[in-house]
Amino acid sequence: MPSTDADFDLRQSPQSAFSMGDYTFADAGNLEHCAKYLNQTLVTFGFPSSLDLFANDPQVRTQQIHEMKKKEKEYIKLQERLNQVLMEKKKESRSGMEIMNLLQKEGRQRGTWNGKKVDAYEAKNQELMAENADLRALLRSMQAYMRDFLNAPNGLPKQSLAVNERLETDASQSPFGGKTDVFDLPFHMARDQIEESLRTKMASIKERMVQLQDAQKGAEVTSEATERELELEAQLVEARSIIQEQASIMSKHLAKAERPRESIISSPTEGV
């Protein structure tokens, strides 16, 4: 029997609509609303535009199929990328576990990579220890130079010298009793003592430099006064020589003037 149009009629009555239990998904009354909901859902999940699910145009259907295949390919690529990332994470975790296993082994069986790392760390540690020893020796020599400078004759007052000697004595005392070089102690144990000693010595050196500057200024003033005195004394000697020369000239002139006067006085006397 040939098929009729009624056999291809997909429309259903409200009684034969798709239903799930007591809830009806779509029927003839809310079909338009369901289409809008599906279009909005497609746009939300990345489709460039809403799809006309009821389009009869072959071109529109072809475009829809093309978009669906494109989205399917993108989805497959994303799945492959996700699987690749997960595999890389697993490899990294496996490598980390291998490194941890190598570190837990004793001797030189830890592997070449780990051995190189340990050798580099040990070399760096030795370098830091040598540098630390050089710095300790430098601090020790600097403290000795500062002590010699401060204890020099004509230096600081006795009070400052007494303070420096007391600090040096305290610095040489070990926290465990007895005497030892403070620079040989661990830094966290001798830090406060070293800082206090260096600060006190720097303050004493500053005071000493101020005293030396004052003494230098006094010497400059004294030298200027001495030069002025010598200059005035030379001027005085020159003035005395001039006065003596003028006195001798005046005495000679007076002597010459007295001779004619005596001759005039003596001539009338002889006439009488």
Protein backbone atom coordinates (compact mmCIF):
# COMPACT_ATOMS: atom_id res chain seq x y z
CA MET A 1 0.00 0.00 0.00
CA PRO A 2 1.46 3.38 -0.99
CA SER A 3 2.36 5.75 1.78
CA THR A 4 0.37 8.85 2.35
CA ASP A 5 1.23 12.29 3.65
CA ALA A 6 -0.13 11.29 6.99
CA ASP A 7 2.68 8.74 7.38
CA PHE A 8 5.36 11.51 7.05
CA ASP A 9 3.55 13.99 9.27
CA LEU A 10 5.91 14.45 12.24
CA ARG A 11 3.51 16.63 14.11
CA GLN A 12 1.99 15.00 17.11
CA SER A 13 -0.93 15.75 19.19
CA PRO A 14 -0.55 17.13 22.68
CA GLN A 15 -1.34 13.66 23.98
CA SER A 16 1.62 12.05 22.07
CA ALA A 17 4.24 14.73 22.83
CA PHE A 18 7.68 13.78 24.19
CA SER A 19 7.37 13.36 27.90
CA MET A 20 9.56 12.30 30.78
CA GLY A 21 7.42 11.15 33.64
CA ASP A 22 5.08 13.92 34.59
CA TYR A 23 7.16 16.63 32.81
CA THR A 24 6.55 17.40 29.12
CA PHE A 25 9.57 18.76 27.17
CA ALA A 26 7.75 20.06 24.10
CA ASP A 27 4.32 20.00 22.60
CA ALA A 28 2.43 21.93 19.99
CA GLY A 29 1.83 24.77 22.42
CA ASN A 30 5.42 25.57 23.47
CA LEU A 31 7.34 24.47 20.38
CA GLU A 32 8.45 28.01 19.52
CA HIS A 33 9.71 28.54 23.05
CA CYS A 34 11.71 25.31 22.93
CA ALA A 35 13.29 26.33 19.61
CA LYS A 36 14.40 29.65 21.12
CA TYR A 37 15.85 27.81 24.12
CA LEU A 38 17.82 25.45 21.88
CA ASN A 39 19.15 28.33 19.76
CA GLN A 40 20.27 30.19 22.88
CA THR A 41 21.99 27.05 24.17
CA LEU A 42 23.85 26.60 20.87
CA VAL A 43 25.09 30.21 20.98
CA THR A 44 26.19 29.74 24.59
CA PHE A 45 28.30 26.71 23.69
CA GLY A 46 30.28 28.48 20.97
CA PHE A 47 28.26 28.46 17.77
CA PRO A 48 28.70 31.72 15.83
CA SER A 49 24.97 32.22 15.40
CA SER A 50 21.76 30.51 16.28
CA LEU A 51 20.76 27.64 14.02
CA ASP A 52 17.40 27.46 12.38
CA LEU A 53 16.42 23.92 13.21
CA PHE A 54 13.35 24.12 11.03
CA ALA A 55 15.03 25.62 7.95
CA ASN A 56 14.07 24.00 4.69
CA ASP A 57 16.71 25.79 2.61
CA PRO A 58 19.38 23.25 1.47
CA GLN A 59 22.09 25.91 1.61
CA VAL A 60 21.25 26.73 5.22
CA ARG A 61 21.24 23.06 6.12
CA THR A 62 24.61 22.58 4.41
CA GLN A 63 26.05 25.51 6.35
CA GLN A 64 24.68 24.08 9.57
CA ILE A 65 26.23 20.70 8.87
CA HIS A 66 29.55 22.38 8.03
CA GLU A 67 29.50 24.33 11.30
CA MET A 68 28.71 21.19 13.25
CA LYS A 69 31.62 19.31 11.64
CA LYS A 70 33.93 22.26 12.33
CA LYS A 71 32.93 22.36 15.98
CA GLU A 72 33.37 18.61 16.17
CA LYS A 73 36.93 18.90 14.83
CA GLU A 74 37.72 21.67 17.31
CA TYR A 75 36.35 19.51 20.09
CA ILE A 76 38.55 16.61 18.98
CA LYS A 77 41.63 18.90 18.92
CA LEU A 78 40.85 20.13 22.41
CA GLN A 79 40.53 16.55 23.61
CA GLU A 80 43.91 15.67 22.06
CA ARG A 81 45.54 18.72 23.64
CA LEU A 82 44.08 17.84 27.01
CA ASN A 83 45.38 14.29 26.74
CA GLN A 84 48.82 15.61 25.74
CA VAL A 85 48.95 17.93 28.76
CA LEU A 86 47.93 15.09 31.05
CA MET A 87 50.67 12.88 29.62
CA GLU A 88 53.28 15.61 30.13
CA LYS A 89 52.16 16.04 33.73
CA LYS A 90 52.49 12.32 34.26
CA LYS A 91 56.01 12.36 32.77
CA GLU A 92 57.03 15.26 35.03
CA SER A 93 55.69 13.51 38.09
CA ARG A 94 57.49 10.33 37.04
CA SER A 95 60.75 12.29 36.58
CA GLY A 96 60.32 13.86 40.01
CA MET A 97 59.85 10.45 41.56
CA GLU A 98 63.00 9.21 39.82
CA ILE A 99 64.99 12.16 41.17
CA MET A 100 63.68 11.54 44.67
CA ASN A 101 64.66 7.90 44.39
CA LEU A 102 68.16 8.91 43.27
CA LEU A 103 68.52 11.29 46.21
CA GLN A 104 67.55 8.56 48.64
CA LYS A 105 70.33 6.26 47.44
CA GLU A 106 73.74 6.38 49.13
CA GLY A 107 77.18 6.61 47.59
CA ARG A 108 77.97 7.56 44.02
CA GLN A 109 75.09 5.48 42.65
CA ARG A 110 72.77 8.48 42.71
CA GLY A 111 73.30 9.19 39.04
CA THR A 112 75.46 11.49 36.96
CA TRP A 113 73.05 14.43 37.06
CA ASN A 114 72.70 14.30 40.82
CA GLY A 115 76.45 13.85 41.27
CA LYS A 116 77.16 16.99 39.25
CA LYS A 117 74.67 18.95 41.30
CA VAL A 118 76.22 17.76 44.56
CA ASP A 119 79.75 18.51 43.30
CA ALA A 120 78.72 22.03 42.30
CA TYR A 121 77.08 22.58 45.68
CA GLU A 122 80.17 21.33 47.54
CA ALA A 123 82.47 23.55 45.44
CA LYS A 124 80.27 26.57 46.12
CA ASN A 125 80.23 25.74 49.82
CA GLN A 126 84.03 25.50 49.90
CA GLU A 127 84.30 28.83 48.10
CA LEU A 128 81.99 30.49 50.62
CA MET A 129 83.96 29.01 53.52
CA ALA A 130 87.25 30.35 52.09
CA GLU A 131 85.67 33.77 51.54
CA ASN A 132 84.33 33.72 55.10
CA ALA A 133 87.80 32.91 56.46
CA ASP A 134 89.31 35.79 54.46
CA LEU A 135 86.70 38.18 55.82
CA ARG A 136 87.39 37.02 59.39
CA ALA A 137 91.13 37.59 58.91
CA LEU A 138 90.46 41.02 57.41
CA LEU A 139 88.26 42.02 60.35
CA ARG A 140 90.88 40.76 62.79
CA SER A 141 93.69 42.76 61.13
CA MET A 142 91.49 45.86 60.86
CA GLN A 143 90.69 45.67 64.56
CA ALA A 144 94.42 45.37 65.34
CA TYR A 145 95.20 48.44 63.21
CA MET A 146 92.44 50.42 64.87
CA ARG A 147 93.66 49.39 68.32
CA ASP A 148 97.22 50.48 67.49
CA PHE A 149 95.96 53.79 66.14
CA LEU A 150 93.85 54.49 69.21
CA ASN A 151 96.57 53.42 71.65
CA ALA A 152 99.19 55.67 70.02
CA PRO A 153 100.82 58.33 72.28
CA ASN A 154 99.12 61.72 72.44
CA GLY A 155 95.93 60.03 71.31
CA LEU A 156 92.55 59.84 72.97
CA PRO A 157 91.88 60.68 76.59
CA LYS A 158 92.42 58.01 79.20
CA GLN A 159 88.67 57.48 79.54
CA SER A 160 88.25 56.50 75.87
CA LEU A 161 91.27 54.23 76.03
CA ALA A 162 89.84 52.52 79.10
CA VAL A 163 86.52 51.94 77.31
CA ASN A 164 88.28 50.41 74.29
CA GLU A 165 90.38 48.13 76.49
CA ARG A 166 87.26 46.98 78.35
CA LEU A 167 85.44 46.21 75.08
CA GLU A 168 88.41 44.25 73.75
CA THR A 169 88.56 42.26 76.98
CA ASP A 170 84.83 41.53 76.83
CA ALA A 171 85.03 40.60 73.15
CA SER A 172 87.76 38.05 73.86
CA GLN A 173 85.55 36.28 76.41
CA SER A 174 83.85 33.18 75.00
CA PRO A 175 80.16 32.60 75.81
CA PHE A 176 81.18 29.14 77.06
CA GLY A 177 83.84 30.52 79.39
CA GLY A 178 87.52 31.18 78.87
CA LYS A 179 89.13 33.39 76.27
CA THR A 180 89.11 32.93 72.53
CA ASP A 181 89.19 35.00 69.35
CA VAL A 182 85.73 36.46 68.85
CA PHE A 183 86.13 36.22 65.07
CA ASP A 184 86.47 32.44 65.29
CA LEU A 185 83.01 32.11 66.82
CA PRO A 186 79.87 31.59 64.70
CA PHE A 187 78.46 34.83 63.38
CA HIS A 188 75.14 34.58 65.22
CA MET A 189 77.03 34.27 68.52
CA ALA A 190 79.61 37.04 68.02
CA ARG A 191 77.56 39.49 65.96
CA ASP A 192 76.57 41.81 68.82
CA GLN A 193 80.08 41.90 70.29
CA ILE A 194 81.71 42.64 66.94
CA GLU A 195 79.21 45.39 66.10
CA GLU A 196 79.62 47.04 69.52
CA SER A 197 83.40 46.89 69.32
CA LEU A 198 83.53 48.30 65.79
CA ARG A 199 81.02 51.06 66.54
CA THR A 200 82.95 52.12 69.65
CA LYS A 201 86.25 52.14 67.80
CA MET A 202 84.76 54.15 64.93
CA ALA A 203 83.41 56.71 67.42
CA SER A 204 86.84 56.89 69.08
CA ILE A 205 88.54 57.35 65.71
CA LYS A 206 86.10 60.12 64.86
CA GLU A 207 86.88 61.83 68.17
CA ARG A 208 90.59 61.41 67.50
CA MET A 209 90.26 62.93 64.03
CA VAL A 210 88.41 65.93 65.50
CA GLN A 211 91.21 66.41 68.02
CA LEU A 212 93.82 66.21 65.27
CA GLN A 213 91.92 68.75 63.19
CA ASP A 214 91.69 71.11 66.17
CA ALA A 215 95.41 70.68 66.84
CA GLN A 216 96.18 71.34 63.18
CA LYS A 217 94.08 74.49 63.24
CA GLY A 218 95.88 75.64 66.41
CA ALA A 219 99.24 74.98 64.79
CA GLU A 220 98.20 76.97 61.74
CA VAL A 221 97.12 79.89 63.95
CA THR A 222 100.40 79.68 65.88
CA SER A 223 102.43 79.61 62.68
CA GLU A 224 100.52 82.61 61.35
CA ALA A 225 101.13 84.50 64.62
CA THR A 226 104.83 83.59 64.53
CA GLU A 227 105.14 84.81 60.96
CA ARG A 228 103.43 88.06 61.92
CA GLU A 229 105.75 88.52 64.89
CA LEU A 230 108.80 87.92 62.72
CA GLU A 231 107.52 90.39 60.16
CA LEU A 232 106.91 93.04 62.84
CA GLU A 233 110.33 92.40 64.36
CA ALA A 234 111.98 92.88 60.97
CA GLN A 235 110.05 96.12 60.49
CA LEU A 236 111.16 97.25 63.97
CA VAL A 237 114.81 96.52 63.20
CA GLU A 238 114.52 98.41 59.94
CA ALA A 239 112.89 101.36 61.70
CA ARG A 240 115.66 101.40 64.35
CA SER A 241 118.34 101.40 61.68
CA ILE A 242 116.61 104.30 59.92
CA ILE A 243 116.34 106.22 63.20
CA GLN A 244 120.01 105.63 63.98
CA GLU A 245 121.00 106.74 60.49
CA GLN A 246 118.90 109.89 60.80
CA ALA A 247 120.37 110.59 64.24
CA SER A 248 123.91 110.30 62.90
CA ILE A 249 123.10 112.62 60.00
CA MET A 250 121.55 115.17 62.37
CA SER A 251 124.54 115.00 64.71
CA LYS A 252 126.93 115.61 61.83
CA HIS A 253 124.82 118.51 60.62
CA LEU A 254 124.73 120.07 64.09
CA ALA A 255 128.49 119.67 64.42
CA LYS A 256 129.04 121.52 61.15
CA ALA A 257 126.67 124.28 62.25
CA GLU A 258 128.47 124.72 65.60
CA ARG A 259 131.90 125.28 64.03
CA PRO A 260 131.08 128.61 62.22
CA ARG A 261 129.32 129.86 65.31
CA GLU A 262 132.35 129.19 67.50
CA SER A 263 134.63 130.96 65.02
CA ILE A 264 132.37 134.03 65.01
CA ILE A 265 132.29 134.16 68.79
CA SER A 266 136.04 133.71 69.12
CA SER A 267 137.00 136.50 66.61
CA PRO A 268 135.45 139.48 68.59
CA THR A 269 137.08 138.25 71.72
CA GLU A 270 140.48 138.34 70.13
CA GLY A 271 139.91 141.94 68.94
CA VAL A 272 139.20 143.15 72.44
